[in-house]
Amino acid sequence: TLLFLALIFGWIGFGPVVFDLAYLQ
C-alpha cells in the first residue's frame, strides 16, 4: 500500500522524479 500510493501520488505531484526519489531512498 505504501509503495504503490507513494509512486502514484508522487507521479501526480511531481512527475517521473518520484522513481529517482524512490531509488535514492
PDB file of all heavy atoms in Angstrom:
ATOM      1  N   THR A   1       0.835  -1.202   0.000  1.00  0.00           N
ATOM      2  CA  THR A   1       0.000   0.000   0.000  1.00  0.00           C
ATOM      3  C   THR A   1       0.875   1.259   0.000  1.00  0.00           C
ATOM      4  O   THR A   1       0.665   2.183  -0.788  1.00  0.00           O
ATOM      5  CB  THR A   1      -0.922   0.015   1.229  1.00  0.00           C
ATOM      6  OG1 THR A   1      -1.769  -1.132   1.198  1.00  0.00           O
ATOM      7  CG2 THR A   1      -1.776   1.267   1.263  1.00  0.00           C
ATOM      8  N   LEU A   2       1.858   1.286   0.893  1.00  0.00           N
ATOM      9  CA  LEU A   2       2.745   2.444   0.995  1.00  0.00           C
ATOM     10  C   LEU A   2       3.512   2.681  -0.297  1.00  0.00           C
ATOM     11  O   LEU A   2       3.619   3.823  -0.779  1.00  0.00           O
ATOM     12  CB  LEU A   2       3.735   2.240   2.154  1.00  0.00           C
ATOM     13  CG  LEU A   2       3.150   2.226   3.573  1.00  0.00           C
ATOM     14  CD1 LEU A   2       4.226   1.812   4.567  1.00  0.00           C
ATOM     15  CD2 LEU A   2       2.593   3.591   3.935  1.00  0.00           C
ATOM     16  N   LEU A   3       4.026   1.604  -0.878  1.00  0.00           N
ATOM     17  CA  LEU A   3       4.850   1.739  -2.080  1.00  0.00           C
ATOM     18  C   LEU A   3       4.028   2.240  -3.261  1.00  0.00           C
ATOM     19  O   LEU A   3       4.400   3.226  -3.920  1.00  0.00           O
ATOM     20  CB  LEU A   3       5.494   0.386  -2.414  1.00  0.00           C
ATOM     21  CG  LEU A   3       6.392   0.364  -3.660  1.00  0.00           C
ATOM     22  CD1 LEU A   3       7.550   1.333  -3.503  1.00  0.00           C
ATOM     23  CD2 LEU A   3       6.894  -1.047  -3.930  1.00  0.00           C
ATOM     24  N   PHE A   4       2.901   1.592  -3.523  1.00  0.00           N
ATOM     25  CA  PHE A   4       2.106   1.967  -4.698  1.00  0.00           C
ATOM     26  C   PHE A   4       1.496   3.355  -4.549  1.00  0.00           C
ATOM     27  O   PHE A   4       1.468   4.133  -5.511  1.00  0.00           O
ATOM     28  CB  PHE A   4       1.018   0.924  -4.946  1.00  0.00           C
ATOM     29  CG  PHE A   4       1.565  -0.399  -5.442  1.00  0.00           C
ATOM     30  CD1 PHE A   4       1.147  -1.590  -4.881  1.00  0.00           C
ATOM     31  CD2 PHE A   4       2.511  -0.441  -6.457  1.00  0.00           C
ATOM     32  CE1 PHE A   4       1.650  -2.804  -5.323  1.00  0.00           C
ATOM     33  CE2 PHE A   4       3.024  -1.643  -6.906  1.00  0.00           C
ATOM     34  CZ  PHE A   4       2.597  -2.841  -6.342  1.00  0.00           C
ATOM     35  N   LEU A   5       1.022   3.685  -3.363  1.00  0.00           N
ATOM     36  CA  LEU A   5       0.450   5.019  -3.168  1.00  0.00           C
ATOM     37  C   LEU A   5       1.517   6.097  -3.324  1.00  0.00           C
ATOM     38  O   LEU A   5       1.259   7.163  -3.913  1.00  0.00           O
ATOM     39  CB  LEU A   5      -0.201   5.123  -1.785  1.00  0.00           C
ATOM     40  CG  LEU A   5      -1.521   4.380  -1.595  1.00  0.00           C
ATOM     41  CD1 LEU A   5      -2.039   4.571  -0.180  1.00  0.00           C
ATOM     42  CD2 LEU A   5      -2.568   4.875  -2.602  1.00  0.00           C
ATOM     43  N   ALA A   6       2.722   5.826  -2.798  1.00  0.00           N
ATOM     44  CA  ALA A   6       3.801   6.806  -2.933  1.00  0.00           C
ATOM     45  C   ALA A   6       4.136   7.041  -4.405  1.00  0.00           C
ATOM     46  O   ALA A   6       4.314   8.195  -4.841  1.00  0.00           O
ATOM     47  CB  ALA A   6       5.035   6.328  -2.172  1.00  0.00           C
ATOM     48  N   LEU A   7       4.212   5.964  -5.186  1.00  0.00           N
ATOM     49  CA  LEU A   7       4.563   6.113  -6.605  1.00  0.00           C
ATOM     50  C   LEU A   7       3.438   6.797  -7.377  1.00  0.00           C
ATOM     51  O   LEU A   7       3.692   7.671  -8.219  1.00  0.00           O
ATOM     52  CB  LEU A   7       4.861   4.734  -7.205  1.00  0.00           C
ATOM     53  CG  LEU A   7       6.103   4.019  -6.652  1.00  0.00           C
ATOM     54  CD1 LEU A   7       6.261   2.648  -7.295  1.00  0.00           C
ATOM     55  CD2 LEU A   7       7.368   4.855  -6.875  1.00  0.00           C
ATOM     56  N   ILE A   8       2.188   6.421  -7.090  1.00  0.00           N
ATOM     57  CA  ILE A   8       1.058   7.007  -7.829  1.00  0.00           C
ATOM     58  C   ILE A   8       0.897   8.489  -7.504  1.00  0.00           C
ATOM     59  O   ILE A   8       0.829   9.337  -8.410  1.00  0.00           O
ATOM     60  CB  ILE A   8      -0.247   6.240  -7.497  1.00  0.00           C
ATOM     61  CG1 ILE A   8      -0.185   4.824  -8.078  1.00  0.00           C
ATOM     62  CG2 ILE A   8      -1.458   6.983  -8.053  1.00  0.00           C
ATOM     63  CD1 ILE A   8      -1.285   3.909  -7.587  1.00  0.00           C
ATOM     64  N   PHE A   9       0.835   8.815  -6.217  1.00  0.00           N
ATOM     65  CA  PHE A   9       0.624  10.221  -5.836  1.00  0.00           C
ATOM     66  C   PHE A   9       1.872  11.062  -6.129  1.00  0.00           C
ATOM     67  O   PHE A   9       1.763  12.256  -6.413  1.00  0.00           O
ATOM     68  CB  PHE A   9       0.225  10.311  -4.368  1.00  0.00           C
ATOM     69  CG  PHE A   9      -1.220  10.012  -4.111  1.00  0.00           C
ATOM     70  CD1 PHE A   9      -1.655   8.709  -3.964  1.00  0.00           C
ATOM     71  CD2 PHE A   9      -2.157  11.038  -4.044  1.00  0.00           C
ATOM     72  CE1 PHE A   9      -2.993   8.420  -3.732  1.00  0.00           C
ATOM     73  CE2 PHE A   9      -3.495  10.767  -3.818  1.00  0.00           C
ATOM     74  CZ  PHE A   9      -3.923   9.440  -3.664  1.00  0.00           C
ATOM     75  N   GLY A  10       3.061  10.442  -6.009  1.00  0.00           N
ATOM     76  CA  GLY A  10       4.275  11.156  -6.369  1.00  0.00           C
ATOM     77  C   GLY A  10       4.319  11.493  -7.847  1.00  0.00           C
ATOM     78  O   GLY A  10       4.727  12.601  -8.235  1.00  0.00           O
ATOM     79  N   TRP A  11       3.860  10.564  -8.699  1.00  0.00           N
ATOM     80  CA  TRP A  11       3.799  10.829 -10.144  1.00  0.00           C
ATOM     81  C   TRP A  11       2.828  11.975 -10.428  1.00  0.00           C
ATOM     82  O   TRP A  11       3.124  12.859 -11.242  1.00  0.00           O
ATOM     83  CB  TRP A  11       3.354   9.557 -10.866  1.00  0.00           C
ATOM     84  CG  TRP A  11       3.177   9.744 -12.348  1.00  0.00           C
ATOM     85  CD1 TRP A  11       2.081  10.217 -13.006  1.00  0.00           C
ATOM     86  CD2 TRP A  11       4.165   9.496 -13.361  1.00  0.00           C
ATOM     87  NE1 TRP A  11       2.288  10.271 -14.353  1.00  0.00           N
ATOM     88  CE2 TRP A  11       3.568   9.830 -14.608  1.00  0.00           C
ATOM     89  CE3 TRP A  11       5.472   9.025 -13.341  1.00  0.00           C
ATOM     90  CZ2 TRP A  11       4.241   9.692 -15.815  1.00  0.00           C
ATOM     91  CZ3 TRP A  11       6.145   8.882 -14.548  1.00  0.00           C
ATOM     92  CH2 TRP A  11       5.541   9.216 -15.752  1.00  0.00           C
ATOM     93  N   ILE A  12       1.678  11.957  -9.744  1.00  0.00           N
ATOM     94  CA  ILE A  12       0.696  13.043  -9.944  1.00  0.00           C
ATOM     95  C   ILE A  12       1.279  14.378  -9.477  1.00  0.00           C
ATOM     96  O   ILE A  12       1.086  15.415 -10.120  1.00  0.00           O
ATOM     97  CB  ILE A  12      -0.606  12.736  -9.168  1.00  0.00           C
ATOM     98  CG1 ILE A  12      -1.281  11.493  -9.739  1.00  0.00           C
ATOM     99  CG2 ILE A  12      -1.565  13.924  -9.214  1.00  0.00           C
ATOM    100  CD1 ILE A  12      -2.454  10.996  -8.910  1.00  0.00           C
ATOM    101  N   GLY A  13       2.020  14.348  -8.353  1.00  0.00           N
ATOM    102  CA  GLY A  13       2.506  15.587  -7.755  1.00  0.00           C
ATOM    103  C   GLY A  13       3.717  16.187  -8.439  1.00  0.00           C
ATOM    104  O   GLY A  13       3.772  17.409  -8.660  1.00  0.00           O
ATOM    105  N   PHE A  14       4.704  15.364  -8.792  1.00  0.00           N
ATOM    106  CA  PHE A  14       5.920  15.938  -9.388  1.00  0.00           C
ATOM    107  C   PHE A  14       6.541  15.053 -10.473  1.00  0.00           C
ATOM    108  O   PHE A  14       7.739  15.140 -10.752  1.00  0.00           O
ATOM    109  CB  PHE A  14       6.963  16.271  -8.305  1.00  0.00           C
ATOM    110  CG  PHE A  14       7.158  15.210  -7.252  1.00  0.00           C
ATOM    111  CD1 PHE A  14       8.017  14.156  -7.441  1.00  0.00           C
ATOM    112  CD2 PHE A  14       6.463  15.299  -6.051  1.00  0.00           C
ATOM    113  CE1 PHE A  14       8.203  13.207  -6.465  1.00  0.00           C
ATOM    114  CE2 PHE A  14       6.633  14.349  -5.064  1.00  0.00           C
ATOM    115  CZ  PHE A  14       7.513  13.292  -5.267  1.00  0.00           C
ATOM    116  N   GLY A  15       5.738  14.205 -11.081  1.00  0.00           N
ATOM    117  CA  GLY A  15       6.159  13.507 -12.284  1.00  0.00           C
ATOM    118  C   GLY A  15       7.124  12.358 -12.048  1.00  0.00           C
ATOM    119  O   GLY A  15       7.237  11.817 -10.946  1.00  0.00           O
ATOM    120  N   PRO A  16       7.868  11.970 -13.101  1.00  0.00           N
ATOM    121  CA  PRO A  16       8.744  10.788 -13.037  1.00  0.00           C
ATOM    122  C   PRO A  16       9.909  10.916 -12.056  1.00  0.00           C
ATOM    123  O   PRO A  16      10.604   9.917 -11.797  1.00  0.00           O
ATOM    124  CB  PRO A  16       9.257  10.648 -14.478  1.00  0.00           C
ATOM    125  CG  PRO A  16       9.034  11.979 -15.119  1.00  0.00           C
ATOM    126  CD  PRO A  16       7.861  12.588 -14.439  1.00  0.00           C
ATOM    127  N   VAL A  17      10.113  12.093 -11.514  1.00  0.00           N
ATOM    128  CA  VAL A  17      11.164  12.258 -10.493  1.00  0.00           C
ATOM    129  C   VAL A  17      10.910  11.336  -9.300  1.00  0.00           C
ATOM    130  O   VAL A  17      11.835  10.959  -8.574  1.00  0.00           O
ATOM    131  CB  VAL A  17      11.227  13.736 -10.028  1.00  0.00           C
ATOM    132  CG1 VAL A  17      12.220  13.922  -8.896  1.00  0.00           C
ATOM    133  CG2 VAL A  17      11.589  14.631 -11.188  1.00  0.00           C
ATOM    134  N   VAL A  18       9.661  10.928  -9.111  1.00  0.00           N
ATOM    135  CA  VAL A  18       9.325  10.072  -7.970  1.00  0.00           C
ATOM    136  C   VAL A  18      10.095   8.760  -8.007  1.00  0.00           C
ATOM    137  O   VAL A  18      10.451   8.205  -6.957  1.00  0.00           O
ATOM    138  CB  VAL A  18       7.799   9.808  -7.920  1.00  0.00           C
ATOM    139  CG1 VAL A  18       7.338   8.939  -9.094  1.00  0.00           C
ATOM    140  CG2 VAL A  18       7.410   9.140  -6.611  1.00  0.00           C
ATOM    141  N   PHE A  19      10.393   8.255  -9.221  1.00  0.00           N
ATOM    142  CA  PHE A  19      11.134   6.993  -9.315  1.00  0.00           C
ATOM    143  C   PHE A  19      12.590   7.176  -8.900  1.00  0.00           C
ATOM    144  O   PHE A  19      13.182   6.306  -8.251  1.00  0.00           O
ATOM    145  CB  PHE A  19      11.047   6.434 -10.736  1.00  0.00           C
ATOM    146  CG  PHE A  19       9.649   6.082 -11.152  1.00  0.00           C
ATOM    147  CD1 PHE A  19       8.953   6.870 -12.061  1.00  0.00           C
ATOM    148  CD2 PHE A  19       9.017   4.978 -10.605  1.00  0.00           C
ATOM    149  CE1 PHE A  19       7.654   6.549 -12.437  1.00  0.00           C
ATOM    150  CE2 PHE A  19       7.715   4.647 -10.968  1.00  0.00           C
ATOM    151  CZ  PHE A  19       7.034   5.432 -11.889  1.00  0.00           C
ATOM    152  N   ASP A  20      13.168   8.319  -9.246  1.00  0.00           N
ATOM    153  CA  ASP A  20      14.524   8.628  -8.775  1.00  0.00           C
ATOM    154  C   ASP A  20      14.537   8.769  -7.255  1.00  0.00           C
ATOM    155  O   ASP A  20      15.460   8.294  -6.582  1.00  0.00           O
ATOM    156  CB  ASP A  20      15.027   9.936  -9.417  1.00  0.00           C
ATOM    157  CG  ASP A  20      15.135   9.830 -10.926  1.00  0.00           C
ATOM    158  OD1 ASP A  20      15.397   8.709 -11.417  1.00  0.00           O
ATOM    159  OD2 ASP A  20      14.952  10.855 -11.610  1.00  0.00           O
ATOM    160  N   LEU A  21      13.497   9.422  -6.723  1.00  0.00           N
ATOM    161  CA  LEU A  21      13.398   9.603  -5.271  1.00  0.00           C
ATOM    162  C   LEU A  21      13.296   8.242  -4.568  1.00  0.00           C
ATOM    163  O   LEU A  21      13.969   8.010  -3.554  1.00  0.00           O
ATOM    164  CB  LEU A  21      12.178  10.463  -4.946  1.00  0.00           C
ATOM    165  CG  LEU A  21      11.943  10.795  -3.463  1.00  0.00           C
ATOM    166  CD1 LEU A  21      13.088  11.640  -2.932  1.00  0.00           C
ATOM    167  CD2 LEU A  21      10.612  11.525  -3.296  1.00  0.00           C
ATOM    168  N   ALA A  22      12.476   7.345  -5.130  1.00  0.00           N
ATOM    169  CA  ALA A  22      12.321   6.011  -4.538  1.00  0.00           C
ATOM    170  C   ALA A  22      13.640   5.248  -4.563  1.00  0.00           C
ATOM    171  O   ALA A  22      14.008   4.574  -3.590  1.00  0.00           O
ATOM    172  CB  ALA A  22      11.238   5.234  -5.280  1.00  0.00           C
ATOM    173  N   TYR A  23      14.361   5.357  -5.673  1.00  0.00           N
ATOM    174  CA  TYR A  23      15.659   4.669  -5.793  1.00  0.00           C
ATOM    175  C   TYR A  23      16.646   5.202  -4.761  1.00  0.00           C
ATOM    176  O   TYR A  23      17.307   4.420  -4.046  1.00  0.00           O
ATOM    177  CB  TYR A  23      16.194   4.869  -7.210  1.00  0.00           C
ATOM    178  CG  TYR A  23      17.614   4.410  -7.394  1.00  0.00           C
ATOM    179  CD1 TYR A  23      17.929   3.062  -7.532  1.00  0.00           C
ATOM    180  CD2 TYR A  23      18.660   5.342  -7.426  1.00  0.00           C
ATOM    181  CE1 TYR A  23      19.249   2.654  -7.692  1.00  0.00           C
ATOM    182  CE2 TYR A  23      19.969   4.951  -7.592  1.00  0.00           C
ATOM    183  CZ  TYR A  23      20.260   3.596  -7.722  1.00  0.00           C
ATOM    184  OH  TYR A  23      21.568   3.188  -7.877  1.00  0.00           O
ATOM    185  N   LEU A  24      16.746   6.512  -4.650  1.00  0.00           N
ATOM    186  CA  LEU A  24      17.704   7.106  -3.713  1.00  0.00           C
ATOM    187  C   LEU A  24      17.336   6.784  -2.262  1.00  0.00           C
ATOM    188  O   LEU A  24      18.227   6.526  -1.432  1.00  0.00           O
ATOM    189  CB  LEU A  24      17.764   8.622  -3.924  1.00  0.00           C
ATOM    190  CG  LEU A  24      18.368   9.088  -5.257  1.00  0.00           C
ATOM    191  CD1 LEU A  24      18.197  10.593  -5.425  1.00  0.00           C
ATOM    192  CD2 LEU A  24      19.851   8.693  -5.334  1.00  0.00           C
ATOM    193  N   GLN A  25      16.046   6.783  -1.945  1.00  0.00           N
ATOM    194  CA  GLN A  25      15.620   6.464  -0.581  1.00  0.00           C
ATOM    195  C   GLN A  25      15.944   5.011  -0.243  1.00  0.00           C
ATOM    196  O   GLN A  25      16.336   4.694   0.879  1.00  0.00           O
ATOM    197  CB  GLN A  25      14.114   6.715  -0.419  1.00  0.00           C
ATOM    198  CG  GLN A  25      13.722   8.174  -0.453  1.00  0.00           C
ATOM    199  CD  GLN A  25      14.315   8.959   0.694  1.00  0.00           C
ATOM    200  OE1 GLN A  25      14.373   8.495   1.823  1.00  0.00           O
ATOM    201  NE2 GLN A  25      14.773  10.174   0.419  1.00  0.00           N
TER     202      GLN A  25
END
